[in-house]
C-alpha atoms as a PDB file:
ATOM      1  CA  MET A   1       0.005  -0.008  -0.001  1.00  0.00           C
ATOM      2  CA  ARG A   2       2.827   2.399   0.824  1.00  0.00           C
ATOM      3  CA  ILE A   3       4.425   1.726  -2.562  1.00  0.00           C
ATOM      4  CA  LEU A   4       1.081   2.345  -4.317  1.00  0.00           C
ATOM      5  CA  ALA A   5       0.508   5.570  -2.386  1.00  0.00           C
ATOM      6  CA  ALA A   6       3.990   6.807  -3.246  1.00  0.00           C
ATOM      7  CA  ALA A   7       3.417   5.985  -6.894  1.00  0.00           C
ATOM      8  CA  LEU A   8       0.123   7.884  -6.930  1.00  0.00           C
ATOM      9  CA  LEU A   9       1.713  10.920  -5.298  1.00  0.00           C
ATOM     10  CA  ALA A  10       4.485  10.865  -7.859  1.00  0.00           C
ATOM     11  CA  CYS A  11       1.875  11.188 -10.608  1.00  0.00           C
ATOM     12  CA  LEU A  12       0.461  14.396  -9.172  1.00  0.00           C
ATOM     13  CA  PRO A  13       1.770  17.729 -10.450  1.00  0.00           C
ATOM     14  CA  LEU A  14       4.066  19.598  -8.087  1.00  0.00           C
ATOM     15  CA  THR A  15       1.499  22.341  -7.621  1.00  0.00           C
ATOM     16  CA  ALA A  16      -1.058  19.833  -6.340  1.00  0.00           C
ATOM     17  CA  LEU A  17       1.434  18.623  -3.744  1.00  0.00           C
ATOM     18  CA  ALA A  18       2.911  21.908  -2.576  1.00  0.00           C
ATOM     19  CA  ALA A  19       0.530  24.673  -3.653  1.00  0.00           C
ATOM     20  CA  PRO A  20       0.530  27.459  -1.036  1.00  0.00           C
ATOM     21  CA  THR A  21      -2.605  28.853   0.542  1.00  0.00           C
ATOM     22  CA  TYR A  22      -3.172  32.398   1.773  1.00  0.00           C
ATOM     23  CA  ASP A  23      -5.832  34.231   3.709  1.00  0.00           C
ATOM     24  CA  ALA A  24      -8.061  36.946   2.244  1.00  0.00           C
ATOM     25  CA  ARG A  25      -5.288  39.533   2.722  1.00  0.00           C
ATOM     26  CA  LEU A  26      -2.559  37.425   1.093  1.00  0.00           C
ATOM     27  CA  GLN A  27      -0.630  37.197   4.338  1.00  0.00           C
ATOM     28  CA  GLY A  28       2.642  35.314   3.912  1.00  0.00           C
ATOM     29  CA  PHE A  29       3.192  36.167   0.262  1.00  0.00           C
ATOM     30  CA  ASP A  30       6.358  38.221  -0.094  1.00  0.00           C
ATOM     31  CA  TYR A  31       6.338  41.229  -2.443  1.00  0.00           C
ATOM     32  CA  GLY A  32      10.061  41.779  -2.102  1.00  0.00           C
ATOM     33  CA  TRP A  33       9.786  45.063  -0.186  1.00  0.00           C
ATOM     34  CA  PRO A  34       8.058  46.055   3.082  1.00  0.00           C
ATOM     35  CA  VAL A  35       4.315  46.421   2.632  1.00  0.00           C
ATOM     36  CA  LYS A  36       2.855  49.552   4.177  1.00  0.00           C
ATOM     37  CA  THR A  37      -0.760  50.327   5.022  1.00  0.00           C
ATOM     38  CA  PHE A  38      -2.847  53.445   4.403  1.00  0.00           C
ATOM     39  CA  THR A  39      -5.964  53.557   6.577  1.00  0.00           C
ATOM     40  CA  PHE A  40      -8.840  55.777   5.433  1.00  0.00           C
ATOM     41  CA  ASP A  41     -12.618  56.091   5.571  1.00  0.00           C
ATOM     42  CA  SER A  42     -14.704  55.331   2.501  1.00  0.00           C
ATOM     43  CA  GLN A  43     -18.420  54.608   2.162  1.00  0.00           C
ATOM     44  CA  ARG A  44     -19.024  54.737   5.927  1.00  0.00           C
ATOM     45  CA  GLN A  45     -16.313  52.264   6.868  1.00  0.00           C
ATOM     46  CA  SER A  46     -12.637  52.187   7.732  1.00  0.00           C
ATOM     47  CA  LEU A  47     -10.514  50.501   5.062  1.00  0.00           C
ATOM     48  CA  GLU A  48      -6.852  49.582   4.668  1.00  0.00           C
ATOM     49  CA  MET A  49      -4.984  49.990   1.405  1.00  0.00           C
ATOM     50  CA  ALA A  50      -1.707  48.073   1.249  1.00  0.00           C
ATOM     51  CA  TYR A  51       1.038  49.622  -0.845  1.00  0.00           C
ATOM     52  CA  LEU A  52       4.725  49.538  -1.685  1.00  0.00           C
ATOM     53  CA  ASP A  53       6.802  52.698  -1.482  1.00  0.00           C
ATOM     54  CA  VAL A  54      10.238  51.929  -2.920  1.00  0.00           C
ATOM     55  CA  PRO A  55      12.783  54.750  -2.915  1.00  0.00           C
ATOM     56  CA  ALA A  56      14.912  55.715  -5.890  1.00  0.00           C
ATOM     57  CA  SER A  57      18.508  54.625  -6.109  1.00  0.00           C
ATOM     58  CA  GLY A  58      20.928  57.399  -6.955  1.00  0.00           C
ATOM     59  CA  ARG A  59      19.815  60.728  -8.408  1.00  0.00           C
ATOM     60  CA  PRO A  60      16.008  61.013  -8.152  1.00  0.00           C
ATOM     61  CA  LEU A  61      14.174  61.503 -11.436  1.00  0.00           C
ATOM     62  CA  GLY A  62      10.586  61.515 -10.212  1.00  0.00           C
ATOM     63  CA  THR A  63       7.810  59.256  -8.960  1.00  0.00           C
ATOM     64  CA  VAL A  64       6.064  56.433 -10.802  1.00  0.00           C
ATOM     65  CA  VAL A  65       2.734  55.003  -9.628  1.00  0.00           C
ATOM     66  CA  LEU A  66       1.938  51.452 -10.753  1.00  0.00           C
ATOM     67  CA  LEU A  67      -1.654  50.168 -10.916  1.00  0.00           C
ATOM     68  CA  HIS A  68      -2.159  46.391 -11.026  1.00  0.00           C
ATOM     69  CA  GLY A  69      -4.645  44.409 -13.073  1.00  0.00           C
ATOM     70  CA  LYS A  70      -7.626  42.395 -11.873  1.00  0.00           C
ATOM     71  CA  ASN A  71      -5.750  39.078 -11.671  1.00  0.00           C
ATOM     72  CA  PHE A  72      -2.590  40.716 -10.391  1.00  0.00           C
ATOM     73  CA  CYS A  73      -1.202  42.502  -7.329  1.00  0.00           C
ATOM     74  CA  ALA A  74       1.312  45.234  -6.524  1.00  0.00           C
ATOM     75  CA  GLY A  75       3.925  42.521  -6.133  1.00  0.00           C
ATOM     76  CA  THR A  76       3.476  41.442  -9.756  1.00  0.00           C
ATOM     77  CA  TRP A  77       5.328  44.627 -10.731  1.00  0.00           C
ATOM     78  CA  LYS A  78       8.453  43.272  -8.991  1.00  0.00           C
ATOM     79  CA  GLU A  79      10.804  43.397 -11.981  1.00  0.00           C
ATOM     80  CA  ALA A  80       9.508  46.803 -13.093  1.00  0.00           C
ATOM     81  CA  ILE A  81       9.881  48.212  -9.579  1.00  0.00           C
ATOM     82  CA  SER A  82      13.502  47.085  -9.426  1.00  0.00           C
ATOM     83  CA  ALA A  83      14.275  48.610 -12.821  1.00  0.00           C
ATOM     84  CA  LEU A  84      12.493  51.901 -12.073  1.00  0.00           C
ATOM     85  CA  SER A  85      14.130  52.261  -8.666  1.00  0.00           C
ATOM     86  CA  ALA A  86      17.571  51.538 -10.106  1.00  0.00           C
ATOM     87  CA  ALA A  87      16.951  54.176 -12.788  1.00  0.00           C
ATOM     88  CA  GLY A  88      16.201  56.855 -10.183  1.00  0.00           C
ATOM     89  CA  TYR A  89      12.420  56.703  -9.727  1.00  0.00           C
ATOM     90  CA  ARG A  90      10.533  56.457  -6.473  1.00  0.00           C
ATOM     91  CA  VAL A  91       7.853  53.806  -7.016  1.00  0.00           C
ATOM     92  CA  ILE A  92       4.401  53.669  -5.415  1.00  0.00           C
ATOM     93  CA  ALA A  93       2.449  50.454  -6.058  1.00  0.00           C
ATOM     94  CA  PRO A  94      -0.874  50.073  -4.218  1.00  0.00           C
ATOM     95  CA  ASP A  95      -3.155  47.072  -3.885  1.00  0.00           C
ATOM     96  CA  GLN A  96      -6.572  48.491  -4.667  1.00  0.00           C
ATOM     97  CA  ILE A  97      -9.407  47.983  -2.192  1.00  0.00           C
ATOM     98  CA  GLY A  98     -10.856  44.538  -2.852  1.00  0.00           C
ATOM     99  CA  PHE A  99      -7.569  43.062  -3.999  1.00  0.00           C
ATOM    100  CA  CYS A 100      -4.563  41.188  -2.651  1.00  0.00           C
ATOM    101  CA  LYS A 101      -3.290  42.592   0.673  1.00  0.00           C
ATOM    102  CA  SER A 102      -5.952  45.329   0.974  1.00  0.00           C
ATOM    103  CA  SER A 103      -9.363  45.290   2.673  1.00  0.00           C
ATOM    104  CA  LYS A 104     -12.149  43.324   1.040  1.00  0.00           C
ATOM    105  CA  PRO A 105     -15.340  44.948   2.330  1.00  0.00           C
ATOM    106  CA  LEU A 106     -18.528  42.919   2.074  1.00  0.00           C
ATOM    107  CA  ARG A 107     -20.486  46.014   1.045  1.00  0.00           C
ATOM    108  CA  TYR A 108     -18.776  48.457  -1.317  1.00  0.00           C
ATOM    109  CA  GLN A 109     -19.977  50.281  -4.407  1.00  0.00           C
ATOM    110  CA  TYR A 110     -17.054  49.649  -6.717  1.00  0.00           C
ATOM    111  CA  SER A 111     -16.409  52.122  -9.498  1.00  0.00           C
ATOM    112  CA  PHE A 112     -13.309  53.277 -11.304  1.00  0.00           C
ATOM    113  CA  GLY A 113     -14.087  56.751 -10.044  1.00  0.00           C
ATOM    114  CA  GLN A 114     -14.015  55.497  -6.451  1.00  0.00           C
ATOM    115  CA  LEU A 115     -10.772  53.556  -6.933  1.00  0.00           C
ATOM    116  CA  ALA A 116      -9.233  56.613  -8.580  1.00  0.00           C
ATOM    117  CA  ALA A 117     -10.294  58.723  -5.593  1.00  0.00           C
ATOM    118  CA  ASN A 118      -8.809  56.139  -3.220  1.00  0.00           C
ATOM    119  CA  THR A 119      -5.538  56.276  -5.163  1.00  0.00           C
ATOM    120  CA  GLN A 120      -5.519  60.060  -5.067  1.00  0.00           C
ATOM    121  CA  ALA A 121      -6.132  59.919  -1.307  1.00  0.00           C
ATOM    122  CA  LEU A 122      -3.044  57.703  -0.982  1.00  0.00           C
ATOM    123  CA  LEU A 123      -0.957  60.213  -2.951  1.00  0.00           C
ATOM    124  CA  THR A 124      -2.238  63.007  -0.734  1.00  0.00           C
ATOM    125  CA  TYR A 125      -1.329  60.957   2.352  1.00  0.00           C
ATOM    126  CA  LEU A 126       2.160  60.544   0.905  1.00  0.00           C
ATOM    127  CA  LYS A 127       2.330  64.318   0.302  1.00  0.00           C
ATOM    128  CA  LEU A 128       2.458  63.824  -3.461  1.00  0.00           C
ATOM    129  CA  ASP A 129      -0.791  65.603  -4.319  1.00  0.00           C
ATOM    130  CA  GLY A 130       1.155  68.673  -5.503  1.00  0.00           C
ATOM    131  CA  THR A 131       3.761  66.669  -7.403  1.00  0.00           C
ATOM    132  CA  LYS A 132       3.273  65.408 -10.945  1.00  0.00           C
ATOM    133  CA  VAL A 133       3.784  61.655 -11.211  1.00  0.00           C
ATOM    134  CA  ASP A 134       4.032  59.117 -14.017  1.00  0.00           C
ATOM    135  CA  LEU A 135       1.086  56.714 -13.891  1.00  0.00           C
ATOM    136  CA  VAL A 136       1.359  53.188 -15.288  1.00  0.00           C
ATOM    137  CA  GLY A 137      -1.709  50.944 -15.425  1.00  0.00           C
ATOM    138  CA  HIS A 138      -1.854  47.314 -16.546  1.00  0.00           C
ATOM    139  CA  SER A 139      -4.977  45.379 -17.620  1.00  0.00           C
ATOM    140  CA  MET A 140      -7.837  46.512 -15.332  1.00  0.00           C
ATOM    141  CA  GLY A 141      -5.296  48.964 -13.921  1.00  0.00           C
ATOM    142  CA  GLY A 142      -5.254  50.543 -17.385  1.00  0.00           C
ATOM    143  CA  MET A 143      -8.986  51.254 -17.109  1.00  0.00           C
ATOM    144  CA  LEU A 144      -8.380  52.696 -13.647  1.00  0.00           C
ATOM    145  CA  ALA A 145      -5.403  54.755 -14.848  1.00  0.00           C
ATOM    146  CA  THR A 146      -7.538  56.185 -17.652  1.00  0.00           C
ATOM    147  CA  ARG A 147     -10.258  57.176 -15.183  1.00  0.00           C
ATOM    148  CA  PHE A 148      -7.620  58.670 -12.874  1.00  0.00           C
ATOM    149  CA  ALA A 149      -6.210  60.717 -15.755  1.00  0.00           C
ATOM    150  CA  LEU A 150      -9.673  62.010 -16.594  1.00  0.00           C
ATOM    151  CA  GLN A 151     -10.411  62.960 -12.968  1.00  0.00           C
ATOM    152  CA  TYR A 152      -6.985  64.243 -11.917  1.00  0.00           C
ATOM    153  CA  PRO A 153      -5.091  65.358 -15.045  1.00  0.00           C
ATOM    154  CA  GLN A 154      -3.216  67.974 -13.003  1.00  0.00           C
ATOM    155  CA  GLN A 155      -1.590  65.157 -11.009  1.00  0.00           C
ATOM    156  CA  LEU A 156       0.022  63.472 -14.007  1.00  0.00           C
ATOM    157  CA  ARG A 157       3.122  64.087 -16.081  1.00  0.00           C
ATOM    158  CA  HIS A 158       2.659  60.999 -18.249  1.00  0.00           C
ATOM    159  CA  LEU A 159       0.182  58.119 -18.616  1.00  0.00           C
ATOM    160  CA  ALA A 160       1.303  54.629 -19.637  1.00  0.00           C
ATOM    161  CA  LEU A 161      -1.274  51.955 -20.426  1.00  0.00           C
ATOM    162  CA  VAL A 162      -0.021  48.356 -20.572  1.00  0.00           C
ATOM    163  CA  ASN A 163      -2.433  46.033 -22.390  1.00  0.00           C
ATOM    164  CA  PRO A 164      -5.376  47.799 -20.787  1.00  0.00           C
ATOM    165  CA  ILE A 165      -8.709  46.037 -20.887  1.00  0.00           C
ATOM    166  CA  GLY A 166     -11.810  48.014 -21.773  1.00  0.00           C
ATOM    167  CA  LEU A 167     -10.547  49.105 -25.195  1.00  0.00           C
ATOM    168  CA  GLU A 168     -13.852  47.721 -26.468  1.00  0.00           C
ATOM    169  CA  ASP A 169     -17.337  47.736 -24.969  1.00  0.00           C
ATOM    170  CA  TRP A 170     -18.126  44.033 -24.615  1.00  0.00           C
ATOM    171  CA  LYS A 171     -21.751  44.624 -23.607  1.00  0.00           C
ATOM    172  CA  ALA A 172     -22.418  46.891 -26.579  1.00  0.00           C
ATOM    173  CA  LYS A 173     -20.871  44.298 -28.871  1.00  0.00           C
ATOM    174  CA  GLY A 174     -23.354  41.678 -27.656  1.00  0.00           C
ATOM    175  CA  VAL A 175     -21.636  39.862 -24.772  1.00  0.00           C
ATOM    176  CA  PRO A 176     -24.493  38.862 -22.433  1.00  0.00           C
ATOM    177  CA  TRP A 177     -24.853  40.586 -19.070  1.00  0.00           C
ATOM    178  CA  ARG A 178     -24.594  38.452 -15.943  1.00  0.00           C
ATOM    179  CA  SER A 179     -25.475  39.099 -12.324  1.00  0.00           C
ATOM    180  CA  VAL A 180     -23.004  39.540  -9.475  1.00  0.00           C
ATOM    181  CA  ASP A 181     -24.309  36.246  -8.106  1.00  0.00           C
ATOM    182  CA  ALA A 182     -23.349  34.531 -11.368  1.00  0.00           C
ATOM    183  CA  TRP A 183     -19.903  36.141 -11.288  1.00  0.00           C
ATOM    184  CA  TYR A 184     -19.516  34.920  -7.703  1.00  0.00           C
ATOM    185  CA  ALA A 185     -20.511  31.353  -8.583  1.00  0.00           C
ATOM    186  CA  ASN A 186     -17.860  31.330 -11.298  1.00  0.00           C
ATOM    187  CA  GLU A 187     -15.210  32.767  -8.980  1.00  0.00           C
ATOM    188  CA  LEU A 188     -15.791  29.983  -6.430  1.00  0.00           C
ATOM    189  CA  LYS A 189     -14.670  27.475  -9.083  1.00  0.00           C
ATOM    190  CA  THR A 190     -11.280  29.169  -9.505  1.00  0.00           C
ATOM    191  CA  ASN A 191      -8.168  27.105  -8.785  1.00  0.00           C
ATOM    192  CA  PHE A 192      -4.605  26.839 -10.039  1.00  0.00           C
ATOM    193  CA  ASP A 193      -5.559  24.656 -13.018  1.00  0.00           C
ATOM    194  CA  SER A 194      -8.303  27.032 -14.185  1.00  0.00           C
ATOM    195  CA  ILE A 195      -6.025  30.040 -13.758  1.00  0.00           C
ATOM    196  CA  LYS A 196      -3.224  28.402 -15.729  1.00  0.00           C
ATOM    197  CA  LYS A 197      -5.596  27.280 -18.499  1.00  0.00           C
ATOM    198  CA  TYR A 198      -7.062  30.774 -18.853  1.00  0.00           C
ATOM    199  CA  GLN A 199      -3.708  32.559 -18.814  1.00  0.00           C
ATOM    200  CA  LEU A 200      -2.150  30.057 -21.206  1.00  0.00           C
ATOM    201  CA  GLU A 201      -4.916  30.557 -23.770  1.00  0.00           C
ATOM    202  CA  VAL A 202      -5.586  34.277 -23.346  1.00  0.00           C
ATOM    203  CA  TYR A 203      -2.459  35.901 -21.908  1.00  0.00           C
ATOM    204  CA  TYR A 204       0.500  34.025 -23.340  1.00  0.00           C
ATOM    205  CA  GLY A 205      -0.486  32.737 -26.757  1.00  0.00           C
ATOM    206  CA  GLY A 206      -0.307  29.057 -25.747  1.00  0.00           C
ATOM    207  CA  GLU A 207       3.242  29.156 -24.348  1.00  0.00           C
ATOM    208  CA  TRP A 208       3.724  28.615 -20.601  1.00  0.00           C
ATOM    209  CA  LYS A 209       7.016  29.428 -18.879  1.00  0.00           C
ATOM    210  CA  PRO A 210       8.066  28.436 -15.341  1.00  0.00           C
ATOM    211  CA  GLU A 211       8.272  32.081 -14.215  1.00  0.00           C
ATOM    212  CA  TYR A 212       4.523  32.529 -14.726  1.00  0.00           C
ATOM    213  CA  GLU A 213       3.760  29.893 -12.107  1.00  0.00           C
ATOM    214  CA  HIS A 214       4.817  32.059  -9.152  1.00  0.00           C
ATOM    215  CA  TRP A 215       2.107  34.604  -9.919  1.00  0.00           C
ATOM    216  CA  ALA A 216      -0.547  32.007 -10.759  1.00  0.00           C
ATOM    217  CA  LEU A 217       0.118  30.360  -7.376  1.00  0.00           C
ATOM    218  CA  MET A 218      -0.215  33.746  -5.696  1.00  0.00           C
ATOM    219  CA  GLN A 219      -3.675  34.124  -7.192  1.00  0.00           C
ATOM    220  CA  SER A 220      -4.829  30.538  -6.659  1.00  0.00           C
ATOM    221  CA  GLY A 221      -3.520  30.542  -3.092  1.00  0.00           C
ATOM    222  CA  MET A 222      -6.102  33.143  -2.087  1.00  0.00           C
ATOM    223  CA  TYR A 223      -8.911  31.006  -3.527  1.00  0.00           C
ATOM    224  CA  ALA A 224      -7.586  27.892  -1.780  1.00  0.00           C
ATOM    225  CA  GLY A 225      -7.270  29.560   1.624  1.00  0.00           C
ATOM    226  CA  PRO A 226      -9.695  30.420   4.420  1.00  0.00           C
ATOM    227  CA  GLY A 227     -10.626  33.717   2.769  1.00  0.00           C
ATOM    228  CA  GLN A 228     -11.977  32.122  -0.389  1.00  0.00           C
ATOM    229  CA  GLN A 229     -15.471  33.570  -0.127  1.00  0.00           C
ATOM    230  CA  ALA A 230     -14.266  37.099   0.632  1.00  0.00           C
ATOM    231  CA  VAL A 231     -11.837  36.931  -2.310  1.00  0.00           C
ATOM    232  CA  ALA A 232     -14.418  35.474  -4.681  1.00  0.00           C
ATOM    233  CA  TRP A 233     -17.034  38.074  -3.667  1.00  0.00           C
ATOM    234  CA  SER A 234     -14.627  40.982  -4.189  1.00  0.00           C
ATOM    235  CA  GLN A 235     -13.661  39.581  -7.565  1.00  0.00           C
ATOM    236  CA  ALA A 236     -17.317  39.216  -8.515  1.00  0.00           C
ATOM    237  CA  LEU A 237     -18.087  42.827  -7.571  1.00  0.00           C
ATOM    238  CA  THR A 238     -15.100  44.115  -9.482  1.00  0.00           C
ATOM    239  CA  SER A 239     -15.913  41.974 -12.541  1.00  0.00           C
ATOM    240  CA  ASP A 240     -19.295  43.694 -12.586  1.00  0.00           C
ATOM    241  CA  MET A 241     -17.502  47.055 -12.402  1.00  0.00           C
ATOM    242  CA  VAL A 242     -15.179  46.203 -15.284  1.00  0.00           C
ATOM    243  CA  PHE A 243     -17.972  44.901 -17.520  1.00  0.00           C
ATOM    244  CA  ASN A 244     -20.370  47.779 -16.905  1.00  0.00           C
ATOM    245  CA  GLN A 245     -18.041  50.808 -16.745  1.00  0.00           C
ATOM    246  CA  PRO A 246     -16.204  51.052 -20.082  1.00  0.00           C
ATOM    247  CA  VAL A 247     -13.814  53.958 -20.517  1.00  0.00           C
ATOM    248  CA  VAL A 248     -13.221  53.418 -24.235  1.00  0.00           C
ATOM    249  CA  TYR A 249     -15.656  56.172 -25.207  1.00  0.00           C
ATOM    250  CA  GLU A 250     -13.702  58.747 -23.199  1.00  0.00           C
ATOM    251  CA  LEU A 251     -10.256  58.084 -24.660  1.00  0.00           C
ATOM    252  CA  PRO A 252     -10.512  61.189 -26.888  1.00  0.00           C
ATOM    253  CA  ASN A 253     -10.976  63.286 -23.710  1.00  0.00           C
ATOM    254  CA  LEU A 254      -7.539  62.442 -22.313  1.00  0.00           C
ATOM    255  CA  ARG A 255      -5.302  65.500 -22.046  1.00  0.00           C
ATOM    256  CA  VAL A 256      -2.200  63.800 -20.617  1.00  0.00           C
ATOM    257  CA  PRO A 257       0.773  62.609 -22.729  1.00  0.00           C
ATOM    258  CA  THR A 258       0.031  58.912 -23.190  1.00  0.00           C
ATOM    259  CA  THR A 259       1.963  55.825 -24.259  1.00  0.00           C
ATOM    260  CA  LEU A 260       0.254  52.532 -25.038  1.00  0.00           C
ATOM    261  CA  PHE A 261       2.266  49.319 -24.585  1.00  0.00           C
ATOM    262  CA  ILE A 262       0.486  46.490 -26.368  1.00  0.00           C
ATOM    263  CA  GLY A 263       1.520  42.830 -26.424  1.00  0.00           C
ATOM    264  CA  GLN A 264       0.156  41.658 -29.760  1.00  0.00           C
ATOM    265  CA  LYS A 265      -0.701  38.107 -28.671  1.00  0.00           C
ATOM    266  CA  ASP A 266      -3.153  39.221 -26.000  1.00  0.00           C
ATOM    267  CA  ARG A 267      -6.771  38.095 -26.446  1.00  0.00           C
ATOM    268  CA  THR A 268      -8.318  39.253 -23.144  1.00  0.00           C
ATOM    269  CA  ALA A 269     -12.048  40.031 -23.221  1.00  0.00           C
ATOM    270  CA  ILE A 270     -14.274  40.027 -20.140  1.00  0.00           C
ATOM    271  CA  GLY A 271     -17.330  37.793 -20.522  1.00  0.00           C
ATOM    272  CA  ARG A 272     -16.038  35.999 -23.599  1.00  0.00           C
ATOM    273  CA  ASP A 273     -17.182  32.674 -22.141  1.00  0.00           C
ATOM    274  CA  LEU A 274     -20.842  33.712 -22.573  1.00  0.00           C
ATOM    275  CA  ALA A 275     -20.433  35.215 -26.037  1.00  0.00           C
ATOM    276  CA  PRO A 276     -21.808  33.445 -29.140  1.00  0.00           C
ATOM    277  CA  ALA A 277     -19.079  31.670 -31.111  1.00  0.00           C
ATOM    278  CA  ALA A 278     -19.057  34.156 -33.992  1.00  0.00           C
ATOM    279  CA  LEU A 279     -18.710  37.105 -31.617  1.00  0.00           C
ATOM    280  CA  LYS A 280     -16.204  35.349 -29.373  1.00  0.00           C
ATOM    281  CA  ALA A 281     -13.785  35.019 -32.291  1.00  0.00           C
ATOM    282  CA  THR A 282     -13.704  38.805 -32.788  1.00  0.00           C
ATOM    283  CA  LEU A 283     -13.143  39.863 -29.170  1.00  0.00           C
ATOM    284  CA  GLY A 284      -9.824  40.847 -27.631  1.00  0.00           C
ATOM    285  CA  ASP A 285      -8.096  41.614 -30.942  1.00  0.00           C
ATOM    286  CA  TYR A 286      -5.292  43.616 -29.370  1.00  0.00           C
ATOM    287  CA  PRO A 287      -3.390  44.440 -32.584  1.00  0.00           C
ATOM    288  CA  ALA A 288      -6.518  46.234 -33.818  1.00  0.00           C
ATOM    289  CA  LEU A 289      -7.602  47.548 -30.401  1.00  0.00           C
ATOM    290  CA  GLY A 290      -4.189  49.062 -29.690  1.00  0.00           C
ATOM    291  CA  LYS A 291      -4.142  50.942 -32.992  1.00  0.00           C
ATOM    292  CA  ALA A 292      -7.683  52.202 -32.492  1.00  0.00           C
ATOM    293  CA  ALA A 293      -6.906  53.406 -28.960  1.00  0.00           C
ATOM    294  CA  ALA A 294      -3.742  55.174 -30.088  1.00  0.00           C
ATOM    295  CA  ALA A 295      -5.722  56.920 -32.831  1.00  0.00           C
ATOM    296  CA  ALA A 296      -8.422  57.968 -30.361  1.00  0.00           C
ATOM    297  CA  ILE A 297      -6.098  59.419 -27.675  1.00  0.00           C
ATOM    298  CA  PRO A 298      -4.736  62.820 -28.691  1.00  0.00           C
ATOM    299  CA  GLY A 299      -1.000  62.592 -29.402  1.00  0.00           C
ATOM    300  CA  ALA A 300      -0.652  59.039 -28.075  1.00  0.00           C
ATOM    301  CA  THR A 301       2.389  56.888 -28.805  1.00  0.00           C
ATOM    302  CA  LEU A 302       1.930  53.189 -29.545  1.00  0.00           C
ATOM    303  CA  VAL A 303       4.644  50.672 -28.581  1.00  0.00           C
ATOM    304  CA  THR A 304       4.021  47.084 -29.670  1.00  0.00           C
ATOM    305  CA  PHE A 305       5.573  43.793 -28.571  1.00  0.00           C
ATOM    306  CA  ASP A 306       5.008  41.338 -31.419  1.00  0.00           C
ATOM    307  CA  GLU A 307       5.853  38.174 -29.481  1.00  0.00           C
ATOM    308  CA  LEU A 308       4.303  39.091 -26.128  1.00  0.00           C
ATOM    309  CA  GLY A 309       0.813  38.842 -24.700  1.00  0.00           C
ATOM    310  CA  HIS A 310      -1.251  40.359 -21.925  1.00  0.00           C
ATOM    311  CA  SER A 311       1.541  40.810 -19.374  1.00  0.00           C
ATOM    312  CA  PRO A 312       4.711  41.986 -21.095  1.00  0.00           C
ATOM    313  CA  GLN A 313       6.166  43.079 -17.739  1.00  0.00           C
ATOM    314  CA  VAL A 314       6.004  39.421 -16.607  1.00  0.00           C
ATOM    315  CA  GLN A 315       6.670  37.701 -19.906  1.00  0.00           C
ATOM    316  CA  ASP A 316       9.796  39.667 -20.886  1.00  0.00           C
ATOM    317  CA  PRO A 317      10.775  42.084 -18.105  1.00  0.00           C
ATOM    318  CA  ALA A 318      13.974  43.245 -19.794  1.00  0.00           C
ATOM    319  CA  GLN A 319      12.227  44.231 -23.009  1.00  0.00           C
ATOM    320  CA  PHE A 320       9.306  45.847 -21.232  1.00  0.00           C
ATOM    321  CA  ASN A 321      11.398  47.754 -18.704  1.00  0.00           C
ATOM    322  CA  ALA A 322      13.653  49.153 -21.448  1.00  0.00           C
ATOM    323  CA  ALA A 323      10.604  50.376 -23.375  1.00  0.00           C
ATOM    324  CA  LEU A 324       8.994  51.888 -20.268  1.00  0.00           C
ATOM    325  CA  LEU A 325      12.162  53.702 -19.188  1.00  0.00           C
ATOM    326  CA  LYS A 326      12.595  55.044 -22.721  1.00  0.00           C
ATOM    327  CA  ALA A 327       9.049  56.386 -22.717  1.00  0.00           C
ATOM    328  CA  LEU A 328       9.498  58.001 -19.295  1.00  0.00           C
ATOM    329  CA  ALA A 329      12.766  59.625 -20.361  1.00  0.00           C
ATOM    330  CA  ALA A 330      11.193  60.953 -23.566  1.00  0.00           C
ATOM    331  CA  GLY A 331       8.466  62.633 -21.538  1.00  0.00           C
ATOM    332  CA  LYS A 332      10.861  64.808 -19.565  1.00  0.00           C
END
């Protein structure tokens, strides 16, 4: 029996044997720098926003604020933070309310306007409200960064959007609406295998590399831990926000110098699983979406990565960091 048990265990993937679990606040997952906490009141409750504040090395060039995507955290910017800090930038990377190491309130009216206001409150707390910063938003963070730029243009020197979602209005195109309860039911099914399958197909063009696993385990660990329901509920509420609050129509209203970084193999589209087959095939066409967004945003610059997908900062940090630093330097 012992031999049989050992043989069966040997057949299991490593992640099934040693997959980590985390609580609803991702306690125990190391971001690489000390995580700080900003406590503030919002919607009649006290909330905690976790954030990284990494100082510049050498001569300071300015401050960069990094906004994570929906399936990501502040820590996912690890390679970019190191490169920016080494180049002379102070880096602020928050976990938005509802995500990762920040509070996950049971009752919260999520909107990009609210998350932008929360981010601005953090900058005010850090005494940066009178200082122009460079804002970089990835995926859902690109939608948030766009909203921030529309609400607080005076705060920004430069806007960088990295494979932002919301460059098309999925609902208007015919993707069926679903309730928060339906989003929640789907979220409860999330595990490492489903995360890897989704990212492999949508993010990385069918090619999986070992370095992606660290971040997939970060995400799956929250679903596998004691905070599963709180995590799934927050993700459901924010999925509803993303689906129902497109910013694509307001791109022409941006008045901040903007650079778009678009991995051409990305096929991300929220709600694609419910879309009819003919529609599904047309969604998330990032080569076309990137060009359309660059044309819509006054004076925007488009930088493309032909062999990269949804997360160029994870997939090829050296290439992405070089392009980002070049764009930041050009904006000075």
